[in-house]
Amino acid sequence: MKNISNISNLANIKISIELLELSDEDLFERIKTDDVNAFNVFYQRYSKKIFNYCMTVFRDSDKAKDVFQTIISNIYEKKDNFKGGSLIAWTMIITRNQCLMEKRNTKDKYKVEVYENTLIDDNKVEDFYLKEQIYKSIDTLPDEYKEVIELRYFSDFSYTEIAQALNITEALVKVRLFRAKNLLTTKMENLKGYLNG
């Protein structure tokens, strides 16, 4: 009996290693067959990225957790809708759409309290009022600019991942980031003067 148990454990370890080595797309094919272990591997790979995106949008851990759970359920329920291509793009489209829907459906206005860390060094911004002004400057950006900043600097997405998630070209991602930085520079010129003064 002991030998059978050991063989079973070795088999489980082998399956786990096999799943870990699968590409995203091949892993998701296993998930479509209701392979719980495959979904656990997917969860390990992307739960942090999905939750970070929720936190960036809502800046409230309880709200982010609620939306995160809904997103994970949606991904599993819609698993048969994935027809191939980039799994991370498909996943982030579901994540983004759910966050947008939650924001539209709530009466509370959650501010996206983020700022471009290459523009202003947060270590120099100790004044609470100044921080609030920085956040407000980000919040006034057009959605398409604000979104690329969130994904690039606060969800740690590559240009390729942003392009896939938003269904745009990498060139357009770079253009939007460039324009966003220019807008922020203009909006916060007086704040930079205050910091340097």
N, C-alpha and C. Protein backbone atom coordinates (compact mmCIF):
# COMPACT_ATOMS: atom_id res chain seq x y z
N MET A 1 0.84 -1.21 0.00
CA MET A 1 0.00 0.00 0.00
C MET A 1 0.87 1.26 0.00
N LYS A 2 1.95 1.19 0.77
CA LYS A 2 2.86 2.33 0.86
C LYS A 2 3.47 2.63 -0.50
N ASN A 3 3.84 1.56 -1.24
CA ASN A 3 4.44 1.75 -2.56
C ASN A 3 3.47 2.39 -3.52
N ILE A 4 2.20 1.97 -3.45
CA ILE A 4 1.17 2.55 -4.32
C ILE A 4 1.00 4.03 -4.02
N SER A 5 1.02 4.38 -2.72
CA SER A 5 0.90 5.78 -2.32
C SER A 5 2.05 6.61 -2.87
N ASN A 6 3.26 6.06 -2.79
CA ASN A 6 4.44 6.76 -3.29
C ASN A 6 4.35 6.97 -4.80
N ILE A 7 3.87 5.94 -5.50
CA ILE A 7 3.72 6.05 -6.96
C ILE A 7 2.70 7.13 -7.30
N SER A 8 1.62 7.17 -6.51
CA SER A 8 0.57 8.18 -6.73
C SER A 8 1.13 9.57 -6.53
N ASN A 9 1.92 9.76 -5.47
CA ASN A 9 2.52 11.07 -5.19
C ASN A 9 3.46 11.49 -6.31
N LEU A 10 4.24 10.53 -6.80
CA LEU A 10 5.16 10.83 -7.90
C LEU A 10 4.39 11.22 -9.15
N ALA A 11 3.28 10.56 -9.37
CA ALA A 11 2.45 10.87 -10.53
C ALA A 11 1.90 12.28 -10.43
N ASN A 12 1.46 12.67 -9.23
CA ASN A 12 0.93 14.03 -9.02
C ASN A 12 2.01 15.08 -9.24
N ILE A 13 3.21 14.80 -8.75
CA ILE A 13 4.33 15.72 -8.94
C ILE A 13 4.64 15.87 -10.42
N LYS A 14 4.62 14.73 -11.14
CA LYS A 14 4.90 14.76 -12.58
C LYS A 14 3.86 15.58 -13.32
N ILE A 15 2.58 15.41 -12.94
CA ILE A 15 1.50 16.17 -13.57
C ILE A 15 1.69 17.66 -13.31
N SER A 16 2.05 18.01 -12.06
CA SER A 16 2.24 19.42 -11.70
C SER A 16 3.37 20.04 -12.51
N ILE A 17 4.47 19.32 -12.63
CA ILE A 17 5.61 19.82 -13.40
C ILE A 17 5.22 19.98 -14.86
N GLU A 18 4.48 19.00 -15.36
CA GLU A 18 4.02 19.07 -16.75
C GLU A 18 3.14 20.29 -16.98
N LEU A 19 2.23 20.58 -16.04
CA LEU A 19 1.35 21.74 -16.17
C LEU A 19 2.13 23.04 -16.10
N LEU A 20 3.10 23.09 -15.21
CA LEU A 20 3.90 24.31 -15.05
C LEU A 20 4.68 24.63 -16.32
N GLU A 21 5.02 23.60 -17.08
CA GLU A 21 5.83 23.81 -18.28
C GLU A 21 4.99 24.13 -19.51
N LEU A 22 3.66 24.00 -19.40
CA LEU A 22 2.79 24.27 -20.54
C LEU A 22 2.73 25.76 -20.85
N SER A 23 2.56 26.09 -22.11
CA SER A 23 2.31 27.48 -22.48
C SER A 23 0.95 27.88 -21.95
N ASP A 24 0.68 29.18 -21.91
CA ASP A 24 -0.62 29.66 -21.45
C ASP A 24 -1.77 29.02 -22.23
N GLU A 25 -1.61 29.00 -23.53
CA GLU A 25 -2.69 28.54 -24.39
C GLU A 25 -2.94 27.04 -24.22
N ASP A 26 -1.85 26.26 -24.13
CA ASP A 26 -2.01 24.81 -23.92
C ASP A 26 -2.59 24.53 -22.53
N LEU A 27 -2.17 25.33 -21.57
CA LEU A 27 -2.70 25.17 -20.21
C LEU A 27 -4.20 25.40 -20.21
N PHE A 28 -4.64 26.40 -20.95
CA PHE A 28 -6.06 26.73 -20.95
C PHE A 28 -6.89 25.66 -21.67
N GLU A 29 -6.28 24.97 -22.60
CA GLU A 29 -6.98 23.85 -23.23
C GLU A 29 -7.27 22.77 -22.19
N ARG A 30 -6.35 22.61 -21.25
CA ARG A 30 -6.57 21.65 -20.15
C ARG A 30 -7.67 22.15 -19.22
N ILE A 31 -7.71 23.45 -19.01
CA ILE A 31 -8.74 24.05 -18.15
C ILE A 31 -10.12 23.81 -18.75
N LYS A 32 -10.21 23.86 -20.07
CA LYS A 32 -11.50 23.65 -20.73
C LYS A 32 -12.06 22.25 -20.48
N THR A 33 -11.18 21.32 -20.10
CA THR A 33 -11.63 19.96 -19.79
C THR A 33 -11.95 19.83 -18.30
N ASP A 34 -12.08 20.97 -17.62
CA ASP A 34 -12.37 21.01 -16.18
C ASP A 34 -11.24 20.44 -15.33
N ASP A 35 -10.00 20.63 -15.81
CA ASP A 35 -8.82 20.21 -15.06
C ASP A 35 -8.56 21.24 -13.96
N VAL A 36 -8.88 20.90 -12.72
CA VAL A 36 -8.73 21.83 -11.60
C VAL A 36 -7.28 22.20 -11.37
N ASN A 37 -6.39 21.22 -11.52
CA ASN A 37 -4.96 21.50 -11.33
C ASN A 37 -4.45 22.52 -12.35
N ALA A 38 -4.94 22.42 -13.56
CA ALA A 38 -4.54 23.38 -14.60
C ALA A 38 -5.03 24.78 -14.24
N PHE A 39 -6.25 24.87 -13.73
CA PHE A 39 -6.76 26.19 -13.34
C PHE A 39 -5.97 26.76 -12.17
N ASN A 40 -5.53 25.89 -11.27
CA ASN A 40 -4.69 26.35 -10.15
C ASN A 40 -3.37 26.93 -10.65
N VAL A 41 -2.80 26.32 -11.68
CA VAL A 41 -1.56 26.85 -12.26
C VAL A 41 -1.83 28.20 -12.91
N PHE A 42 -2.93 28.29 -13.65
CA PHE A 42 -3.32 29.57 -14.26
C PHE A 42 -3.48 30.64 -13.17
N TYR A 43 -4.13 30.28 -12.08
CA TYR A 43 -4.36 31.21 -10.97
C TYR A 43 -3.03 31.70 -10.40
N GLN A 44 -2.09 30.78 -10.23
CA GLN A 44 -0.77 31.16 -9.71
C GLN A 44 -0.06 32.13 -10.65
N ARG A 45 -0.24 31.92 -11.94
CA ARG A 45 0.45 32.77 -12.92
C ARG A 45 -0.13 34.18 -12.97
N TYR A 46 -1.44 34.31 -12.86
CA TYR A 46 -2.05 35.59 -13.21
C TYR A 46 -2.90 36.25 -12.13
N SER A 47 -3.12 35.60 -11.01
CA SER A 47 -3.98 36.21 -9.98
C SER A 47 -3.41 37.52 -9.46
N LYS A 48 -2.11 37.57 -9.28
CA LYS A 48 -1.49 38.80 -8.76
C LYS A 48 -1.65 39.95 -9.75
N LYS A 49 -1.47 39.66 -11.03
CA LYS A 49 -1.60 40.70 -12.05
C LYS A 49 -3.04 41.21 -12.14
N ILE A 50 -3.99 40.28 -12.05
CA ILE A 50 -5.40 40.65 -12.11
C ILE A 50 -5.78 41.48 -10.88
N PHE A 51 -5.34 41.03 -9.70
CA PHE A 51 -5.68 41.76 -8.47
C PHE A 51 -5.03 43.13 -8.46
N ASN A 52 -3.80 43.24 -8.92
CA ASN A 52 -3.12 44.53 -8.97
C ASN A 52 -3.87 45.51 -9.86
N TYR A 53 -4.41 45.00 -10.97
CA TYR A 53 -5.19 45.86 -11.85
C TYR A 53 -6.44 46.36 -11.12
N CYS A 54 -7.11 45.46 -10.41
CA CYS A 54 -8.30 45.85 -9.64
C CYS A 54 -7.96 46.90 -8.59
N MET A 55 -6.83 46.73 -7.92
CA MET A 55 -6.42 47.70 -6.90
C MET A 55 -6.08 49.04 -7.52
N THR A 56 -5.47 49.02 -8.70
CA THR A 56 -5.15 50.26 -9.38
C THR A 56 -6.41 51.04 -9.74
N VAL A 57 -7.43 50.32 -10.15
CA VAL A 57 -8.68 50.97 -10.55
C VAL A 57 -9.45 51.49 -9.34
N PHE A 58 -9.57 50.67 -8.29
CA PHE A 58 -10.47 51.02 -7.19
C PHE A 58 -9.78 51.61 -5.96
N ARG A 59 -8.51 51.29 -5.76
CA ARG A 59 -7.75 51.81 -4.61
C ARG A 59 -8.47 51.52 -3.30
N ASP A 60 -9.14 50.41 -3.25
CA ASP A 60 -9.87 49.99 -2.06
C ASP A 60 -9.78 48.47 -2.02
N SER A 61 -9.11 47.92 -1.00
CA SER A 61 -8.82 46.48 -1.00
C SER A 61 -10.08 45.63 -0.96
N ASP A 62 -11.08 46.05 -0.18
CA ASP A 62 -12.32 45.27 -0.10
C ASP A 62 -13.03 45.23 -1.45
N LYS A 63 -13.14 46.39 -2.09
CA LYS A 63 -13.78 46.46 -3.40
C LYS A 63 -12.98 45.67 -4.42
N ALA A 64 -11.66 45.81 -4.38
CA ALA A 64 -10.80 45.10 -5.32
C ALA A 64 -10.95 43.59 -5.16
N LYS A 65 -11.02 43.13 -3.91
CA LYS A 65 -11.18 41.68 -3.66
C LYS A 65 -12.50 41.17 -4.22
N ASP A 66 -13.56 41.94 -4.02
CA ASP A 66 -14.88 41.53 -4.52
C ASP A 66 -14.88 41.41 -6.04
N VAL A 67 -14.33 42.43 -6.70
CA VAL A 67 -14.29 42.43 -8.16
C VAL A 67 -13.36 41.33 -8.66
N PHE A 68 -12.25 41.14 -7.98
CA PHE A 68 -11.29 40.09 -8.33
C PHE A 68 -11.96 38.71 -8.33
N GLN A 69 -12.72 38.42 -7.28
CA GLN A 69 -13.41 37.13 -7.19
C GLN A 69 -14.40 36.95 -8.35
N THR A 70 -15.10 38.03 -8.67
CA THR A 70 -16.04 37.97 -9.80
C THR A 70 -15.31 37.68 -11.10
N ILE A 71 -14.16 38.33 -11.28
CA ILE A 71 -13.37 38.15 -12.50
C ILE A 71 -12.89 36.70 -12.63
N ILE A 72 -12.37 36.14 -11.54
CA ILE A 72 -11.89 34.76 -11.56
C ILE A 72 -13.02 33.81 -11.93
N SER A 73 -14.19 34.04 -11.35
CA SER A 73 -15.37 33.21 -11.67
C SER A 73 -15.75 33.36 -13.15
N ASN A 74 -15.71 34.61 -13.63
CA ASN A 74 -16.06 34.87 -15.04
C ASN A 74 -15.10 34.17 -15.99
N ILE A 75 -13.82 34.20 -15.65
CA ILE A 75 -12.82 33.55 -16.51
C ILE A 75 -13.11 32.06 -16.62
N TYR A 76 -13.41 31.44 -15.48
CA TYR A 76 -13.69 30.00 -15.50
C TYR A 76 -14.99 29.70 -16.25
N GLU A 77 -16.01 30.51 -15.99
CA GLU A 77 -17.31 30.27 -16.63
C GLU A 77 -17.26 30.50 -18.14
N LYS A 78 -16.38 31.41 -18.57
CA LYS A 78 -16.29 31.75 -19.99
C LYS A 78 -15.14 31.03 -20.69
N LYS A 79 -14.59 30.02 -20.02
CA LYS A 79 -13.40 29.35 -20.55
C LYS A 79 -13.58 28.80 -21.96
N ASP A 80 -14.80 28.37 -22.28
CA ASP A 80 -15.04 27.82 -23.62
C ASP A 80 -15.07 28.90 -24.70
N ASN A 81 -15.15 30.17 -24.28
CA ASN A 81 -15.15 31.27 -25.24
C ASN A 81 -13.75 31.58 -25.77
N PHE A 82 -12.73 31.08 -25.05
CA PHE A 82 -11.35 31.34 -25.49
C PHE A 82 -11.04 30.44 -26.68
N LYS A 83 -10.80 31.05 -27.82
CA LYS A 83 -10.60 30.31 -29.08
C LYS A 83 -9.15 30.31 -29.53
N GLY A 84 -8.25 30.66 -28.64
CA GLY A 84 -6.84 30.70 -29.00
C GLY A 84 -6.33 32.12 -29.09
N GLY A 85 -5.04 32.25 -29.38
CA GLY A 85 -4.42 33.57 -29.39
C GLY A 85 -3.75 33.83 -28.06
N SER A 86 -3.70 35.08 -27.66
CA SER A 86 -3.03 35.46 -26.42
C SER A 86 -3.97 35.32 -25.23
N LEU A 87 -3.63 34.41 -24.32
CA LEU A 87 -4.47 34.19 -23.14
C LEU A 87 -4.45 35.40 -22.22
N ILE A 88 -3.30 36.04 -22.07
CA ILE A 88 -3.22 37.19 -21.17
C ILE A 88 -4.08 38.34 -21.71
N ALA A 89 -4.11 38.49 -23.02
CA ALA A 89 -4.95 39.55 -23.61
C ALA A 89 -6.42 39.26 -23.33
N TRP A 90 -6.83 38.03 -23.57
CA TRP A 90 -8.22 37.63 -23.33
C TRP A 90 -8.59 37.82 -21.86
N THR A 91 -7.67 37.42 -20.98
CA THR A 91 -7.89 37.54 -19.54
C THR A 91 -8.04 39.00 -19.12
N MET A 92 -7.18 39.86 -19.66
CA MET A 92 -7.20 41.26 -19.25
C MET A 92 -8.38 42.02 -19.85
N ILE A 93 -8.88 41.55 -20.99
CA ILE A 93 -10.10 42.17 -21.53
C ILE A 93 -11.27 41.89 -20.59
N ILE A 94 -11.36 40.65 -20.10
CA ILE A 94 -12.41 40.31 -19.13
C ILE A 94 -12.23 41.14 -17.86
N THR A 95 -10.99 41.25 -17.40
CA THR A 95 -10.69 42.02 -16.18
C THR A 95 -11.07 43.48 -16.35
N ARG A 96 -10.64 44.05 -17.44
CA ARG A 96 -10.92 45.47 -17.72
C ARG A 96 -12.42 45.73 -17.83
N ASN A 97 -13.11 44.89 -18.58
CA ASN A 97 -14.55 45.08 -18.77
C ASN A 97 -15.31 44.97 -17.46
N GLN A 98 -14.92 44.03 -16.61
CA GLN A 98 -15.60 43.87 -15.32
C GLN A 98 -15.36 45.09 -14.43
N CYS A 99 -14.13 45.59 -14.43
CA CYS A 99 -13.82 46.78 -13.62
C CYS A 99 -14.61 47.99 -14.12
N LEU A 100 -14.69 48.17 -15.43
CA LEU A 100 -15.45 49.29 -15.99
C LEU A 100 -16.92 49.17 -15.65
N MET A 101 -17.45 47.96 -15.71
CA MET A 101 -18.86 47.75 -15.38
C MET A 101 -19.13 48.06 -13.91
N GLU A 102 -18.22 47.63 -13.06
CA GLU A 102 -18.37 47.89 -11.62
C GLU A 102 -18.33 49.38 -11.32
N LYS A 103 -17.45 50.08 -12.01
CA LYS A 103 -17.35 51.53 -11.80
C LYS A 103 -18.61 52.25 -12.26
N ARG A 104 -19.18 51.77 -13.37
CA ARG A 104 -20.41 52.39 -13.88
C ARG A 104 -21.60 52.10 -12.98
N ASN A 105 -21.59 50.92 -12.36
CA ASN A 105 -22.75 50.49 -11.57
C ASN A 105 -22.74 50.98 -10.14
N THR A 106 -21.64 51.57 -9.72
CA THR A 106 -21.58 52.04 -8.33
C THR A 106 -21.79 53.55 -8.29
N LYS A 107 -22.40 54.01 -7.21
CA LYS A 107 -22.62 55.45 -7.05
C LYS A 107 -21.36 56.14 -6.55
N ASP A 108 -20.51 55.37 -5.91
CA ASP A 108 -19.27 55.95 -5.40
C ASP A 108 -18.30 56.14 -6.54
N LYS A 109 -17.56 57.22 -6.51
CA LYS A 109 -16.56 57.49 -7.53
C LYS A 109 -15.19 57.17 -6.95
N TYR A 110 -14.62 56.07 -7.43
CA TYR A 110 -13.30 55.68 -6.96
C TYR A 110 -12.24 56.38 -7.82
N LYS A 111 -11.41 57.15 -7.18
CA LYS A 111 -10.37 57.86 -7.92
C LYS A 111 -9.20 56.93 -8.17
N VAL A 112 -8.63 57.06 -9.33
CA VAL A 112 -7.44 56.30 -9.65
C VAL A 112 -6.25 57.10 -9.14
N GLU A 113 -5.78 56.74 -7.96
CA GLU A 113 -4.72 57.52 -7.32
C GLU A 113 -3.35 56.98 -7.72
N VAL A 114 -3.00 57.27 -8.95
CA VAL A 114 -1.72 56.83 -9.47
C VAL A 114 -1.02 58.03 -10.09
N TYR A 115 0.26 57.93 -10.27
CA TYR A 115 0.99 59.00 -10.94
C TYR A 115 2.20 58.42 -11.65
N GLU A 116 2.64 59.11 -12.65
CA GLU A 116 3.74 58.67 -13.49
C GLU A 116 5.04 58.83 -12.71
N ASN A 117 5.64 57.70 -12.27
CA ASN A 117 6.77 57.80 -11.35
C ASN A 117 8.06 58.28 -12.02
N THR A 118 8.11 58.36 -13.34
CA THR A 118 9.29 58.92 -13.99
C THR A 118 9.18 60.43 -14.12
N LEU A 119 7.99 60.97 -13.84
CA LEU A 119 7.77 62.40 -13.98
C LEU A 119 8.05 63.12 -12.67
N ILE A 120 7.57 62.55 -11.57
CA ILE A 120 7.79 63.15 -10.26
C ILE A 120 8.20 62.06 -9.29
N ASP A 121 9.25 62.30 -8.55
CA ASP A 121 9.73 61.33 -7.56
C ASP A 121 8.88 61.44 -6.30
N ASP A 122 8.18 60.38 -5.96
CA ASP A 122 7.25 60.42 -4.82
C ASP A 122 7.99 60.67 -3.50
N ASN A 123 9.27 60.31 -3.44
CA ASN A 123 10.01 60.53 -2.21
C ASN A 123 10.15 62.01 -1.87
N LYS A 124 10.06 62.85 -2.90
CA LYS A 124 10.16 64.29 -2.68
C LYS A 124 8.81 64.91 -2.35
N VAL A 125 7.74 64.12 -2.57
CA VAL A 125 6.41 64.67 -2.39
C VAL A 125 5.86 64.22 -1.04
N GLU A 126 6.20 64.96 0.00
CA GLU A 126 5.77 64.60 1.34
C GLU A 126 4.52 65.35 1.73
N ASP A 127 4.22 66.40 1.04
CA ASP A 127 3.05 67.20 1.35
C ASP A 127 1.79 66.50 0.84
N PHE A 128 0.85 66.25 1.75
CA PHE A 128 -0.37 65.54 1.38
C PHE A 128 -1.13 66.29 0.29
N TYR A 129 -1.17 67.59 0.39
CA TYR A 129 -1.88 68.40 -0.61
C TYR A 129 -1.27 68.19 -1.99
N LEU A 130 0.07 68.17 -2.04
CA LEU A 130 0.74 67.97 -3.32
C LEU A 130 0.40 66.62 -3.92
N LYS A 131 0.39 65.59 -3.08
CA LYS A 131 0.05 64.25 -3.57
C LYS A 131 -1.36 64.24 -4.14
N GLU A 132 -2.27 64.90 -3.45
CA GLU A 132 -3.64 64.95 -3.92
C GLU A 132 -3.73 65.63 -5.30
N GLN A 133 -2.94 66.68 -5.48
CA GLN A 133 -2.94 67.39 -6.75
C GLN A 133 -2.38 66.51 -7.87
N ILE A 134 -1.37 65.71 -7.53
CA ILE A 134 -0.80 64.79 -8.52
C ILE A 134 -1.85 63.76 -8.93
N TYR A 135 -2.53 63.20 -7.95
CA TYR A 135 -3.57 62.20 -8.24
C TYR A 135 -4.68 62.81 -9.09
N LYS A 136 -5.05 64.04 -8.75
CA LYS A 136 -6.12 64.70 -9.51
C LYS A 136 -5.69 64.96 -10.95
N SER A 137 -4.41 65.27 -11.13
CA SER A 137 -3.91 65.49 -12.49
C SER A 137 -4.01 64.22 -13.32
N ILE A 138 -3.65 63.08 -12.72
CA ILE A 138 -3.77 61.81 -13.41
C ILE A 138 -5.23 61.52 -13.73
N ASP A 139 -6.10 61.81 -12.75
CA ASP A 139 -7.52 61.48 -12.89
C ASP A 139 -8.21 62.29 -13.99
N THR A 140 -7.63 63.43 -14.35
CA THR A 140 -8.25 64.26 -15.39
C THR A 140 -7.80 63.88 -16.80
N LEU A 141 -6.87 62.95 -16.90
CA LEU A 141 -6.42 62.51 -18.22
C LEU A 141 -7.56 61.77 -18.93
N PRO A 142 -7.60 61.84 -20.24
CA PRO A 142 -8.56 61.01 -20.98
C PRO A 142 -8.36 59.54 -20.62
N ASP A 143 -9.43 58.77 -20.63
CA ASP A 143 -9.38 57.38 -20.18
C ASP A 143 -8.31 56.56 -20.90
N GLU A 144 -8.15 56.78 -22.21
CA GLU A 144 -7.20 55.95 -22.95
C GLU A 144 -5.76 56.23 -22.52
N TYR A 145 -5.48 57.45 -22.04
CA TYR A 145 -4.15 57.78 -21.55
C TYR A 145 -3.96 57.28 -20.12
N LYS A 146 -4.97 57.48 -19.32
CA LYS A 146 -4.90 57.03 -17.92
C LYS A 146 -4.71 55.51 -17.86
N GLU A 147 -5.39 54.83 -18.75
CA GLU A 147 -5.36 53.37 -18.75
C GLU A 147 -3.98 52.81 -19.07
N VAL A 148 -3.30 53.40 -20.06
CA VAL A 148 -1.98 52.88 -20.41
C VAL A 148 -0.97 53.15 -19.29
N ILE A 149 -1.14 54.27 -18.59
CA ILE A 149 -0.26 54.56 -17.45
C ILE A 149 -0.47 53.53 -16.35
N GLU A 150 -1.74 53.23 -16.06
CA GLU A 150 -2.05 52.23 -15.03
C GLU A 150 -1.43 50.88 -15.37
N LEU A 151 -1.62 50.45 -16.61
CA LEU A 151 -1.13 49.13 -17.01
C LEU A 151 0.39 49.08 -17.05
N ARG A 152 1.01 50.15 -17.55
CA ARG A 152 2.46 50.14 -17.72
C ARG A 152 3.20 50.28 -16.39
N TYR A 153 2.80 51.25 -15.59
CA TYR A 153 3.60 51.59 -14.42
C TYR A 153 3.09 51.01 -13.11
N PHE A 154 1.85 50.57 -13.09
CA PHE A 154 1.31 50.09 -11.82
C PHE A 154 0.79 48.67 -11.87
N SER A 155 0.67 48.12 -13.06
CA SER A 155 0.34 46.70 -13.19
C SER A 155 1.51 45.95 -13.84
N ASP A 156 2.57 46.68 -14.15
CA ASP A 156 3.81 46.10 -14.66
C ASP A 156 3.62 45.32 -15.96
N PHE A 157 2.81 45.85 -16.86
CA PHE A 157 2.59 45.22 -18.15
C PHE A 157 3.65 45.69 -19.14
N SER A 158 4.06 44.80 -20.01
CA SER A 158 4.95 45.18 -21.11
C SER A 158 4.13 45.90 -22.18
N TYR A 159 4.81 46.53 -23.13
CA TYR A 159 4.11 47.19 -24.22
C TYR A 159 3.26 46.17 -24.99
N THR A 160 3.83 44.98 -25.18
CA THR A 160 3.11 43.93 -25.92
C THR A 160 1.84 43.52 -25.18
N GLU A 161 1.93 43.34 -23.88
CA GLU A 161 0.77 42.93 -23.09
C GLU A 161 -0.31 44.01 -23.08
N ILE A 162 0.11 45.27 -22.99
CA ILE A 162 -0.86 46.37 -23.04
C ILE A 162 -1.58 46.37 -24.38
N ALA A 163 -0.80 46.23 -25.45
CA ALA A 163 -1.38 46.23 -26.79
C ALA A 163 -2.39 45.10 -26.94
N GLN A 164 -2.05 43.93 -26.44
CA GLN A 164 -2.96 42.78 -26.54
C GLN A 164 -4.20 42.99 -25.68
N ALA A 165 -4.02 43.50 -24.48
CA ALA A 165 -5.15 43.69 -23.56
C ALA A 165 -6.14 44.74 -24.09
N LEU A 166 -5.62 45.79 -24.74
CA LEU A 166 -6.47 46.87 -25.23
C LEU A 166 -6.84 46.71 -26.71
N ASN A 167 -6.28 45.66 -27.32
CA ASN A 167 -6.53 45.40 -28.74
C ASN A 167 -6.11 46.57 -29.63
N ILE A 168 -4.90 47.09 -29.34
CA ILE A 168 -4.32 48.15 -30.15
C ILE A 168 -2.88 47.76 -30.48
N THR A 169 -2.22 48.54 -31.32
CA THR A 169 -0.84 48.22 -31.69
C THR A 169 0.13 48.72 -30.61
N GLU A 170 1.31 48.12 -30.59
CA GLU A 170 2.34 48.58 -29.65
C GLU A 170 2.72 50.03 -29.94
N ALA A 171 2.73 50.39 -31.21
CA ALA A 171 3.05 51.77 -31.59
C ALA A 171 2.05 52.73 -30.96
N LEU A 172 0.78 52.36 -30.98
CA LEU A 172 -0.25 53.23 -30.39
C LEU A 172 -0.11 53.29 -28.87
N VAL A 173 0.30 52.19 -28.25
CA VAL A 173 0.56 52.20 -26.81
C VAL A 173 1.62 53.25 -26.49
N LYS A 174 2.71 53.24 -27.25
CA LYS A 174 3.81 54.18 -27.00
C LYS A 174 3.38 55.62 -27.26
N VAL A 175 2.56 55.81 -28.28
CA VAL A 175 2.05 57.16 -28.58
C VAL A 175 1.20 57.67 -27.42
N ARG A 176 0.31 56.81 -26.91
CA ARG A 176 -0.55 57.23 -25.81
C ARG A 176 0.24 57.53 -24.55
N LEU A 177 1.26 56.72 -24.27
CA LEU A 177 2.11 56.99 -23.11
C LEU A 177 2.84 58.32 -23.27
N PHE A 178 3.35 58.56 -24.45
CA PHE A 178 4.07 59.81 -24.73
C PHE A 178 3.15 61.01 -24.53
N ARG A 179 1.95 60.93 -25.09
CA ARG A 179 1.01 62.03 -24.96
C ARG A 179 0.56 62.23 -23.52
N ALA A 180 0.39 61.11 -22.82
CA ALA A 180 -0.02 61.20 -21.41
C ALA A 180 1.05 61.93 -20.59
N LYS A 181 2.31 61.60 -20.84
CA LYS A 181 3.40 62.25 -20.11
C LYS A 181 3.44 63.75 -20.43
N ASN A 182 3.24 64.09 -21.69
CA ASN A 182 3.23 65.51 -22.07
C ASN A 182 2.10 66.27 -21.38
N LEU A 183 0.92 65.66 -21.34
CA LEU A 183 -0.22 66.28 -20.67
C LEU A 183 0.05 66.47 -19.18
N LEU A 184 0.65 65.44 -18.57
CA LEU A 184 0.95 65.52 -17.14
C LEU A 184 2.00 66.59 -16.86
N THR A 185 2.98 66.68 -17.74
CA THR A 185 4.02 67.70 -17.56
C THR A 185 3.40 69.09 -17.56
N THR A 186 2.50 69.33 -18.49
CA THR A 186 1.81 70.62 -18.57
C THR A 186 0.96 70.88 -17.34
N LYS A 187 0.20 69.87 -16.92
CA LYS A 187 -0.72 70.02 -15.79
C LYS A 187 0.03 70.25 -14.48
N MET A 188 1.22 69.68 -14.38
CA MET A 188 1.92 69.72 -13.10
C MET A 188 3.15 70.61 -13.09
N GLU A 189 3.25 71.47 -14.08
CA GLU A 189 4.41 72.36 -14.17
C GLU A 189 4.55 73.21 -12.90
N ASN A 190 3.43 73.71 -12.42
CA ASN A 190 3.48 74.52 -11.22
C ASN A 190 3.89 73.69 -9.99
N LEU A 191 3.51 72.41 -9.97
CA LEU A 191 3.89 71.55 -8.85
C LEU A 191 5.40 71.28 -8.87
N LYS A 192 5.94 71.09 -10.07
CA LYS A 192 7.38 70.86 -10.18
C LYS A 192 8.14 72.10 -9.71
N GLY A 193 7.60 73.29 -10.02
CA GLY A 193 8.21 74.52 -9.56
C GLY A 193 8.19 74.60 -8.06
N TYR A 194 7.11 74.16 -7.47
CA TYR A 194 6.98 74.18 -6.01
C TYR A 194 8.01 73.23 -5.39
N LEU A 195 8.18 72.03 -6.03
CA LEU A 195 9.13 71.06 -5.49
C LEU A 195 10.55 71.57 -5.57
N ASN A 196 10.89 72.23 -6.67
CA ASN A 196 12.25 72.69 -6.88
C ASN A 196 12.56 73.98 -6.10
N GLY A 197 11.49 74.59 -5.60
CA GLY A 197 11.66 75.87 -4.91
C GLY A 197 12.06 75.68 -3.57
